[in-house]
Amino acid sequence: MTRYLQDEFAPVTEEVTALDLTVTGTLPSHLDGRYLRIGPNPSQDPATLAAEGYHWFLGEGMVHGVRLEDGQARWYRNRWVRPREGDFAPNTNVVQHAGRTMALVEAGSPPYELTDELDTVGRCGFAGDLRAGYTAHPHEDPETGELHAISYSWTRGNRVDYSVLDTTGAIRHQVEIEVHGSPMMHDCALTEHHVVVYDLPVTFDIDMVAGKVPRPLRLPARLALNRVVGRNPVSDRVVEAMTRGRDVPTQLPYSWDDDYPARIGLLPRDAADGSAVRWFDIDPCYVFHTLNAFEVPETGEVVIDAVRHDRMFATRFDGPDEGPASLVRFTLDLASGKAREHRFDEHSQEFPRHDERLTGRRHRYGYTVGFTDGRLGDAVLKHDTVTGTTRERRLGAGRLAGEMTFVPSSADAPEDDGVLMGYVHDLARGLSDLVVLDAGTLEDVATVHLPGRVPAGFHGSWAPTA
């Protein structure tokens, strides 16, 4: 059976509500809100899923949340996201914007709104106006409060969409960008004046999809897709024929393409159309996640800190396991049109986070978690991008750290004055905790003991009480 259905990845079978949780240590009194994280939690029998070729990214989404207030952990809840028939249940990120809690996924599926207690409300209202659905990784500008995103879908051919949601959740700006083919764009980045676009060699795989449709439709589907994917949008009639009678997919239809050029684009945030994008060639690689990006006016450069994979979905097709991933800095020289790359350290890592008060602005610190052989490890890493040093905190054997979110101690606190929080799974106990670390020292602050296990998942956020 695939590793992504066992051990720390194994789904849980029940929705739980637990009140007044036990806390070790002292929760800072300024933490008033909800820590939220989402991940795949398939409801089908794992043996059946394994036989069908289950991919970790495709399990139904379940949100896990802890409510913190007045130094207490008031509740823990886990809830499946319940989409309407025909929609894919968001499973990749959960954010708060315009007073709404939104569960997100990418590749054309709509986001879903949740209540404060994590029950499903329904589709977010703006989603129907977005041509490519929405993204799993929008970025909020800390000055304007607007949410910026690059969204993609294989049905859009060689077009992706840059959108801006205002502080009410309405679409203020939307621009279509032409790319090489039909790539997977899991993330983007934001600077003060640009949005960063990754056009990289993980692309839509026609054969994976055509092989899954009913046998009489395979040849027409393959011929139709070969004519349009990478060039033109796919018609609704073709999409309907391909998906008719299919349940939730178990195979991710994207794979590594050795012939696809790798490049990073800069599009001015106020551009009237996508032709204003400027491309910078880089060595072949794949980027799931950006730490942050910013402009350096003194040198005429744009800096992008991100986690770089040498390749992805080239030999392993059940999850992201193609060797170590490194935190790197891409520097784009606006004068020469050249890009250069610098590796920060030798740790294998993922899930980069930063102080989001500095999104799109110059930052010093970043936080990641260690990975070993494609799986979560027990290391939390703090990177100082100015001195080029990395501090490592090991949580202990068998204690697996998920993504860690930074929360400042106050609105005007220095960059690393605050806490990191994230779910940590203890393999020996079979239980998970919400662990709170000092962001400056990585020492323990508090641990909220949960009544069950939080499966290894993806992304989340701190949602402060309004």
Protein backbone atom coordinates (compact mmCIF):
# COMPACT_ATOMS: atom_id res chain seq x y z
CA MET A 1 0.00 0.00 0.00
CA THR A 2 1.23 3.51 -0.81
CA ARG A 3 2.95 5.32 2.05
CA TYR A 4 0.40 8.13 1.73
CA LEU A 5 -2.35 5.97 3.23
CA GLN A 6 -0.36 4.63 6.18
CA ASP A 7 1.17 5.78 9.46
CA GLU A 8 1.18 9.58 9.76
CA PHE A 9 -0.69 9.89 6.43
CA ALA A 10 -3.51 7.47 7.28
CA PRO A 11 -6.93 9.13 7.26
CA VAL A 12 -9.04 9.51 10.38
CA THR A 13 -12.60 8.23 10.24
CA GLU A 14 -14.54 10.50 12.59
CA GLU A 15 -15.29 14.17 13.06
CA VAL A 16 -14.47 15.20 16.62
CA THR A 17 -15.35 18.13 18.88
CA ALA A 18 -13.32 18.46 22.10
CA LEU A 19 -13.64 21.34 24.58
CA ASP A 20 -11.24 22.84 27.15
CA LEU A 21 -8.09 21.10 26.01
CA THR A 22 -5.14 20.33 28.27
CA VAL A 23 -2.18 22.69 27.84
CA THR A 24 1.43 22.17 28.87
CA GLY A 25 3.33 25.44 29.35
CA THR A 26 1.70 28.85 28.99
CA LEU A 27 -0.16 30.06 25.93
CA PRO A 28 0.55 33.77 25.28
CA SER A 29 -2.46 35.88 26.17
CA HIS A 30 -2.33 37.80 22.87
CA LEU A 31 -3.29 34.64 20.93
CA ASP A 32 -6.99 35.21 20.31
CA GLY A 33 -8.20 33.31 17.27
CA ARG A 34 -8.13 29.96 15.50
CA TYR A 35 -5.18 27.94 14.22
CA LEU A 36 -6.45 26.20 11.08
CA ARG A 37 -4.88 23.60 8.82
CA ILE A 38 -6.22 21.37 6.07
CA GLY A 39 -5.09 18.21 4.31
CA PRO A 40 -6.27 15.12 2.44
CA ASN A 41 -8.47 12.73 4.41
CA PRO A 42 -10.09 10.25 2.01
CA SER A 43 -13.32 8.68 3.17
CA GLN A 44 -12.97 5.60 0.93
CA ASP A 45 -11.39 2.33 2.00
CA PRO A 46 -7.58 2.75 1.88
CA ALA A 47 -7.08 -0.68 0.30
CA THR A 48 -9.39 0.26 -2.56
CA LEU A 49 -7.67 3.60 -3.04
CA ALA A 50 -4.24 1.97 -3.08
CA ALA A 51 -5.36 -0.49 -5.75
CA GLU A 52 -6.53 2.45 -7.92
CA GLY A 53 -3.20 4.28 -7.64
CA TYR A 54 -3.98 6.86 -4.96
CA HIS A 55 -2.13 10.19 -5.06
CA TRP A 56 -1.69 12.09 -1.78
CA PHE A 57 -2.90 15.37 -3.31
CA LEU A 58 -6.32 13.96 -4.21
CA GLY A 59 -7.90 12.88 -0.92
CA GLU A 60 -11.00 14.71 0.26
CA GLY A 61 -10.20 17.74 2.39
CA MET A 62 -10.51 17.81 6.18
CA VAL A 63 -9.93 20.96 8.23
CA HIS A 64 -8.47 20.77 11.74
CA GLY A 65 -8.78 23.79 14.04
CA VAL A 66 -7.95 24.88 17.58
CA ARG A 67 -9.55 27.94 19.20
CA LEU A 68 -7.21 29.89 21.50
CA GLU A 69 -8.39 32.65 23.86
CA ASP A 70 -7.22 34.18 27.15
CA GLY A 71 -4.39 31.67 27.50
CA GLN A 72 -6.78 28.74 27.06
CA ALA A 73 -7.42 26.19 24.30
CA ARG A 74 -11.20 26.42 24.08
CA TRP A 75 -11.84 23.73 21.47
CA TYR A 76 -10.52 21.40 18.80
CA ARG A 77 -12.63 20.46 15.78
CA ASN A 78 -12.02 18.47 12.62
CA ARG A 79 -14.51 18.58 9.75
CA TRP A 80 -14.61 17.27 6.20
CA VAL A 81 -15.19 19.90 3.55
CA ARG A 82 -18.47 18.89 1.95
CA PRO A 83 -18.71 20.09 -1.65
CA ARG A 84 -21.74 19.88 -3.86
CA GLU A 85 -21.91 17.06 -6.39
CA GLY A 86 -19.36 17.42 -9.17
CA ASP A 87 -16.94 19.62 -7.21
CA PHE A 88 -13.62 18.50 -5.79
CA ALA A 89 -13.42 18.96 -2.02
CA PRO A 90 -10.73 21.60 -1.27
CA ASN A 91 -7.84 20.01 0.62
CA THR A 92 -4.79 22.27 0.26
CA ASN A 93 -5.08 25.53 2.18
CA VAL A 94 -7.44 27.39 4.50
CA VAL A 95 -7.31 31.16 4.87
CA GLN A 96 -9.36 33.99 6.30
CA HIS A 97 -10.22 36.92 4.02
CA ALA A 98 -12.97 39.54 4.00
CA GLY A 99 -14.47 38.00 7.13
CA ARG A 100 -14.77 34.58 5.53
CA THR A 101 -12.94 31.32 6.17
CA MET A 102 -12.09 29.73 2.82
CA ALA A 103 -10.92 26.20 2.05
CA LEU A 104 -8.82 26.23 -1.12
CA VAL A 105 -7.53 23.92 -3.82
CA GLU A 106 -6.18 24.61 -7.31
CA ALA A 107 -6.49 23.52 -10.94
CA GLY A 108 -9.98 24.84 -11.65
CA SER A 109 -11.93 23.78 -8.58
CA PRO A 110 -13.77 26.46 -6.60
CA PRO A 111 -12.99 27.48 -3.01
CA TYR A 112 -15.52 26.74 -0.28
CA GLU A 113 -16.60 28.91 2.62
CA LEU A 114 -16.62 27.47 6.16
CA THR A 115 -18.25 28.65 9.35
CA ASP A 116 -16.17 29.76 12.32
CA GLU A 117 -16.67 26.22 13.67
CA LEU A 118 -15.49 24.70 10.36
CA ASP A 119 -18.79 23.42 8.96
CA THR A 120 -19.23 23.80 5.18
CA VAL A 121 -21.33 26.76 4.00
CA GLY A 122 -20.88 26.35 0.24
CA ARG A 123 -19.01 27.78 -2.72
CA CYS A 124 -17.44 31.18 -2.24
CA GLY A 125 -19.39 33.73 -4.26
CA PHE A 126 -16.50 35.12 -6.30
CA ALA A 127 -15.41 31.72 -7.64
CA GLY A 128 -17.88 31.71 -10.52
CA ASP A 129 -16.25 34.86 -11.89
CA LEU A 130 -12.76 33.36 -12.02
CA ARG A 131 -12.01 31.71 -15.35
CA ALA A 132 -9.57 29.15 -13.93
CA GLY A 133 -11.24 28.54 -10.59
CA TYR A 134 -8.85 29.64 -7.86
CA THR A 135 -5.47 28.84 -6.38
CA ALA A 136 -4.30 27.09 -3.22
CA HIS A 137 -1.79 29.89 -2.52
CA PRO A 138 -3.10 33.44 -2.66
CA HIS A 139 -0.95 36.16 -1.08
CA GLU A 140 -2.32 39.13 0.84
CA ASP A 141 -0.68 42.51 0.46
CA PRO A 142 -0.17 43.72 4.05
CA GLU A 143 -0.70 47.37 3.06
CA THR A 144 -3.85 47.10 0.96
CA GLY A 145 -5.38 43.93 2.44
CA GLU A 146 -6.06 42.70 -1.10
CA LEU A 147 -5.58 39.05 -2.04
CA HIS A 148 -3.42 38.31 -5.11
CA ALA A 149 -3.41 34.96 -6.93
CA ILE A 150 -2.29 33.08 -10.03
CA SER A 151 -4.85 30.41 -10.97
CA TYR A 152 -4.50 27.63 -13.53
CA SER A 153 -6.51 24.77 -15.00
CA TRP A 154 -5.67 22.28 -17.71
CA THR A 155 -8.94 23.32 -19.40
CA ARG A 156 -7.44 26.80 -20.00
CA GLY A 157 -4.74 25.60 -22.40
CA ASN A 158 -1.68 27.84 -22.24
CA ARG A 159 -3.40 30.56 -20.22
CA VAL A 160 -3.32 31.28 -16.51
CA ASP A 161 -5.09 34.05 -14.67
CA TYR A 162 -3.82 36.75 -12.32
CA SER A 163 -6.59 38.03 -10.05
CA VAL A 164 -6.92 40.50 -7.20
CA LEU A 165 -9.68 40.28 -4.60
CA ASP A 166 -10.39 43.48 -2.70
CA THR A 167 -11.05 43.69 1.03
CA THR A 168 -14.73 42.81 0.51
CA GLY A 169 -13.87 39.64 -1.44
CA ALA A 170 -14.90 41.08 -4.83
CA ILE A 171 -12.73 40.75 -7.94
CA ARG A 172 -11.01 44.10 -8.54
CA HIS A 173 -8.60 43.06 -11.29
CA GLN A 174 -8.12 40.04 -13.55
CA VAL A 175 -5.51 39.50 -16.28
CA GLU A 176 -4.86 36.52 -18.57
CA ILE A 177 -1.21 35.44 -18.98
CA GLU A 178 0.09 33.23 -21.79
CA VAL A 179 2.59 30.52 -20.77
CA HIS A 180 4.48 27.80 -22.68
CA GLY A 181 1.98 24.99 -22.27
CA SER A 182 -0.25 23.73 -19.47
CA PRO A 183 1.92 23.73 -16.33
CA MET A 184 1.04 23.05 -12.70
CA MET A 185 1.35 26.38 -10.85
CA HIS A 186 0.99 25.53 -7.19
CA ASP A 187 2.17 28.91 -5.91
CA CYS A 188 3.10 32.40 -7.00
CA ALA A 189 4.76 35.30 -5.18
CA LEU A 190 4.15 38.97 -4.63
CA THR A 191 6.44 41.99 -4.54
CA GLU A 192 5.56 45.62 -4.04
CA HIS A 193 4.98 46.19 -7.78
CA HIS A 194 4.95 42.72 -9.39
CA VAL A 195 3.36 39.31 -9.22
CA VAL A 196 5.81 36.42 -9.72
CA VAL A 197 4.76 33.63 -12.13
CA TYR A 198 6.38 30.16 -12.19
CA ASP A 199 6.30 28.49 -15.63
CA LEU A 200 8.05 25.20 -14.84
CA PRO A 201 8.34 21.65 -16.29
CA VAL A 202 5.53 19.85 -14.41
CA THR A 203 2.79 19.83 -17.02
CA PHE A 204 -0.58 18.34 -17.82
CA ASP A 205 -0.16 14.73 -18.97
CA ILE A 206 -2.60 13.92 -21.74
CA ASP A 207 -2.04 10.15 -21.60
CA MET A 208 -2.87 9.98 -17.89
CA VAL A 209 -6.29 11.54 -18.52
CA ALA A 210 -7.14 9.83 -21.79
CA GLY A 211 -6.36 6.45 -20.25
CA LYS A 212 -8.90 7.05 -17.48
CA VAL A 213 -11.95 7.87 -19.59
CA PRO A 214 -14.34 5.12 -20.74
CA ARG A 215 -12.66 3.00 -23.42
CA PRO A 216 -14.85 4.17 -26.39
CA LEU A 217 -13.88 7.79 -25.63
CA ARG A 218 -10.12 7.33 -25.19
CA LEU A 219 -9.02 7.95 -28.77
CA PRO A 220 -11.35 10.96 -29.31
CA ALA A 221 -10.28 12.39 -25.96
CA ARG A 222 -6.58 12.00 -26.75
CA LEU A 223 -6.99 13.56 -30.21
CA ALA A 224 -9.04 16.44 -28.83
CA LEU A 225 -6.59 17.10 -26.03
CA ASN A 226 -3.56 16.99 -28.34
CA ARG A 227 -5.18 19.73 -30.42
CA VAL A 228 -5.90 22.07 -27.53
CA VAL A 229 -3.86 21.40 -24.39
CA GLY A 230 -0.95 23.79 -24.28
CA ARG A 231 -2.56 26.05 -26.89
CA ASN A 232 -6.27 26.69 -26.48
CA PRO A 233 -8.95 26.29 -23.82
CA VAL A 234 -10.75 22.95 -23.80
CA SER A 235 -14.42 23.17 -24.69
CA ASP A 236 -17.06 22.33 -22.10
CA ARG A 237 -18.26 19.50 -24.37
CA VAL A 238 -14.86 17.79 -24.30
CA VAL A 239 -14.51 18.22 -20.53
CA GLU A 240 -17.98 16.74 -20.00
CA ALA A 241 -17.18 13.74 -22.21
CA MET A 242 -13.94 13.10 -20.38
CA THR A 243 -15.40 13.30 -16.89
CA ARG A 244 -18.81 11.70 -17.44
CA GLY A 245 -19.41 8.90 -14.95
CA ARG A 246 -16.11 9.39 -13.12
CA ASP A 247 -15.74 9.56 -9.36
CA VAL A 248 -13.10 11.63 -7.58
CA PRO A 249 -9.82 11.04 -9.49
CA THR A 250 -7.07 9.01 -7.87
CA GLN A 251 -4.27 9.89 -10.30
CA LEU A 252 -2.81 13.38 -10.59
CA PRO A 253 -2.62 14.15 -14.34
CA TYR A 254 0.66 16.10 -14.18
CA SER A 255 4.21 14.86 -14.74
CA TRP A 256 7.74 16.05 -15.42
CA ASP A 257 8.49 17.16 -19.00
CA ASP A 258 12.20 17.24 -19.90
CA ASP A 259 11.47 19.34 -22.97
CA TYR A 260 9.56 22.09 -21.18
CA PRO A 261 11.57 25.31 -20.56
CA ALA A 262 11.85 26.59 -16.97
CA ARG A 263 11.34 30.29 -16.37
CA ILE A 264 10.10 32.86 -13.88
CA GLY A 265 7.90 35.76 -14.96
CA LEU A 266 7.38 39.23 -13.52
CA LEU A 267 4.05 40.88 -14.30
CA PRO A 268 3.39 44.43 -13.10
CA ARG A 269 0.50 44.31 -10.66
CA ASP A 270 -1.29 47.10 -12.54
CA ALA A 271 -0.77 45.60 -16.02
CA ALA A 272 -3.75 45.92 -18.34
CA ASP A 273 -2.96 42.58 -19.99
CA GLY A 274 -0.59 39.65 -19.73
CA SER A 275 1.68 40.77 -22.54
CA ALA A 276 3.50 42.95 -19.99
CA VAL A 277 5.04 39.89 -18.31
CA ARG A 278 8.82 39.65 -18.48
CA TRP A 279 10.41 36.19 -18.43
CA PHE A 280 13.72 35.05 -16.91
CA ASP A 281 15.14 31.64 -17.84
CA ILE A 282 16.35 29.37 -15.00
CA ASP A 283 17.74 25.85 -14.77
CA PRO A 284 15.08 23.10 -14.88
CA CYS A 285 13.43 22.63 -11.47
CA TYR A 286 10.08 22.73 -9.74
CA VAL A 287 8.79 25.06 -7.02
CA PHE A 288 5.78 24.20 -4.90
CA HIS A 289 6.22 26.98 -2.34
CA THR A 290 7.60 30.49 -2.07
CA LEU A 291 8.97 31.83 1.20
CA ASN A 292 8.70 35.48 0.11
CA ALA A 293 9.81 37.89 -2.62
CA PHE A 294 10.84 41.53 -2.70
CA GLU A 295 12.39 44.24 -4.83
CA VAL A 296 15.85 45.76 -4.35
CA PRO A 297 15.66 49.25 -5.89
CA GLU A 298 19.34 49.97 -5.20
CA THR A 299 20.43 47.18 -7.55
CA GLY A 300 17.44 46.90 -9.88
CA GLU A 301 16.82 43.30 -8.84
CA VAL A 302 13.91 41.16 -7.66
CA VAL A 303 14.67 38.51 -5.04
CA ILE A 304 12.61 35.34 -4.64
CA ASP A 305 13.23 32.88 -1.80
CA ALA A 306 11.63 29.51 -2.50
CA VAL A 307 12.01 25.77 -1.99
CA ARG A 308 13.52 24.20 -5.11
CA HIS A 309 13.04 20.58 -6.26
CA ASP A 310 15.40 19.33 -8.96
CA ARG A 311 12.39 17.67 -10.59
CA MET A 312 8.93 16.41 -9.66
CA PHE A 313 6.62 13.57 -10.72
CA ALA A 314 9.24 12.07 -12.98
CA THR A 315 9.51 8.61 -11.37
CA ARG A 316 7.13 8.77 -8.37
CA PHE A 317 3.47 9.41 -9.08
CA ASP A 318 1.79 9.02 -5.67
CA GLY A 319 3.31 12.09 -3.99
CA PRO A 320 6.18 14.60 -4.02
CA ASP A 321 9.18 12.30 -3.58
CA GLU A 322 11.91 12.94 -6.15
CA GLY A 323 14.82 13.64 -3.80
CA PRO A 324 15.85 16.43 -1.43
CA ALA A 325 14.49 19.96 -1.77
CA SER A 326 16.53 23.06 -0.94
CA LEU A 327 15.77 26.61 0.13
CA VAL A 328 17.21 28.84 -2.60
CA ARG A 329 17.29 32.48 -3.59
CA PHE A 330 16.52 33.41 -7.21
CA THR A 331 17.77 36.89 -8.05
CA LEU A 332 16.31 38.43 -11.22
CA ASP A 333 18.41 41.24 -12.69
CA LEU A 334 16.05 43.65 -14.43
CA ALA A 335 18.86 45.34 -16.36
CA SER A 336 20.47 42.24 -17.86
CA GLY A 337 17.41 39.98 -18.00
CA LYS A 338 19.43 37.23 -16.31
CA ALA A 339 18.62 35.09 -13.27
CA ARG A 340 21.03 33.65 -10.77
CA GLU A 341 20.50 31.15 -8.00
CA HIS A 342 21.95 30.69 -4.50
CA ARG A 343 21.34 27.77 -2.11
CA PHE A 344 21.01 28.71 1.56
CA ASP A 345 21.94 25.41 3.21
CA GLU A 346 22.01 21.65 2.78
CA HIS A 347 18.91 20.66 4.75
CA SER A 348 16.14 18.88 2.85
CA GLN A 349 13.04 20.91 3.66
CA GLU A 350 9.64 22.18 2.64
CA PHE A 351 6.64 24.29 3.79
CA PRO A 352 8.40 27.70 3.97
CA ARG A 353 6.70 30.46 5.97
CA HIS A 354 7.61 34.02 6.92
CA ASP A 355 6.22 36.97 8.84
CA GLU A 356 3.30 37.86 6.57
CA ARG A 357 3.40 41.50 7.65
CA LEU A 358 6.38 41.57 5.25
CA THR A 359 4.80 39.83 2.25
CA GLY A 360 6.27 41.42 -0.86
CA ARG A 361 8.76 43.40 1.22
CA ARG A 362 12.34 42.73 2.31
CA HIS A 363 12.44 40.04 5.01
CA ARG A 364 15.23 38.60 7.11
CA TYR A 365 13.85 35.38 8.60
CA GLY A 366 12.13 32.34 7.18
CA TYR A 367 10.90 29.09 8.72
CA THR A 368 10.72 25.61 7.19
CA VAL A 369 10.39 22.01 8.36
CA GLY A 370 12.76 19.17 7.59
CA PHE A 371 11.95 16.29 5.25
CA THR A 372 13.61 12.88 5.12
CA ASP A 373 13.08 10.59 2.11
CA GLY A 374 10.00 12.52 1.08
CA ARG A 375 8.42 12.40 4.54
CA LEU A 376 8.05 14.82 7.39
CA GLY A 377 10.81 14.79 9.99
CA ASP A 378 11.29 16.23 13.47
CA ALA A 379 13.26 19.36 12.50
CA VAL A 380 12.04 22.96 12.56
CA LEU A 381 14.44 25.33 10.77
CA LYS A 382 14.89 29.07 11.13
CA HIS A 383 16.83 30.80 8.36
CA ASP A 384 18.56 34.16 8.69
CA THR A 385 18.86 35.36 5.10
CA VAL A 386 21.13 38.25 6.09
CA THR A 387 23.84 36.25 7.89
CA GLY A 388 23.22 33.13 5.81
CA THR A 389 22.85 30.96 8.91
CA THR A 390 20.27 28.33 9.88
CA ARG A 391 19.13 27.35 13.37
CA GLU A 392 17.74 23.82 13.74
CA ARG A 393 15.37 22.61 16.46
CA ARG A 394 14.83 18.86 16.71
CA LEU A 395 11.54 17.98 18.36
CA GLY A 396 12.57 14.39 19.12
CA ALA A 397 12.52 11.02 17.38
CA GLY A 398 9.08 10.09 16.10
CA ARG A 399 7.68 13.63 16.54
CA LEU A 400 6.81 14.79 13.03
CA ALA A 401 6.46 18.52 12.46
CA GLY A 402 3.99 19.93 9.98
CA GLU A 403 4.06 23.44 8.52
CA MET A 404 4.75 26.12 11.17
CA THR A 405 2.89 29.46 11.02
CA PHE A 406 4.37 32.67 12.41
CA VAL A 407 2.21 34.90 14.63
CA PRO A 408 3.72 38.19 15.87
CA SER A 409 3.45 39.10 19.55
CA SER A 410 1.89 42.43 18.56
CA ALA A 411 1.08 44.41 15.44
CA ASP A 412 4.33 46.39 15.63
CA ALA A 413 6.63 43.69 17.08
CA PRO A 414 10.03 43.05 15.40
CA GLU A 415 10.18 40.45 12.65
CA ASP A 416 11.04 37.41 14.80
CA ASP A 417 9.21 38.54 17.98
CA GLY A 418 6.34 36.08 18.15
CA VAL A 419 5.57 32.41 18.02
CA LEU A 420 5.50 29.55 15.53
CA MET A 421 2.59 27.14 15.75
CA GLY A 422 1.79 23.92 13.98
CA TYR A 423 0.56 20.37 14.44
CA VAL A 424 3.12 17.76 15.51
CA HIS A 425 2.30 14.06 15.33
CA ASP A 426 3.79 11.69 17.90
CA LEU A 427 4.17 8.29 16.25
CA ALA A 428 4.68 6.46 19.56
CA ARG A 429 1.48 7.82 21.14
CA GLY A 430 -0.56 7.88 17.96
CA LEU A 431 -1.72 11.38 18.91
CA SER A 432 -1.06 14.93 17.74
CA ASP A 433 -0.43 18.22 19.51
CA LEU A 434 -0.58 21.87 18.60
CA VAL A 435 2.97 22.97 19.40
CA VAL A 436 3.83 26.63 20.04
CA LEU A 437 7.52 27.63 19.78
CA ASP A 438 9.30 30.91 20.42
CA ALA A 439 10.07 32.24 16.92
CA GLY A 440 13.31 33.80 18.10
CA THR A 441 14.85 30.82 19.88
CA LEU A 442 12.72 27.86 18.67
CA GLU A 443 12.29 26.84 22.33
CA ASP A 444 9.00 25.45 23.66
CA VAL A 445 6.32 27.93 24.71
CA ALA A 446 3.25 25.70 25.04
CA THR A 447 1.73 22.44 23.82
CA VAL A 448 -1.99 21.92 23.31
CA HIS A 449 -2.79 18.22 23.62
CA LEU A 450 -5.34 17.04 21.07
CA PRO A 451 -7.75 14.13 21.55
CA GLY A 452 -6.68 12.34 18.38
CA ARG A 453 -4.39 12.34 15.36
CA VAL A 454 -4.05 15.01 12.72
CA PRO A 455 -2.89 13.26 9.52
CA ALA A 456 0.09 14.74 7.70
CA GLY A 457 -1.40 17.54 5.66
CA PHE A 458 -0.67 20.75 3.84
CA HIS A 459 -1.30 24.37 4.71
CA GLY A 460 -3.10 26.58 7.11
CA SER A 461 -3.13 29.91 8.85
CA TRP A 462 -3.68 31.83 12.02
CA ALA A 463 -7.16 33.38 11.82
CA PRO A 464 -7.29 36.14 14.47
CA THR A 465 -10.58 37.08 16.04
CA ALA A 466 -11.86 40.26 14.40
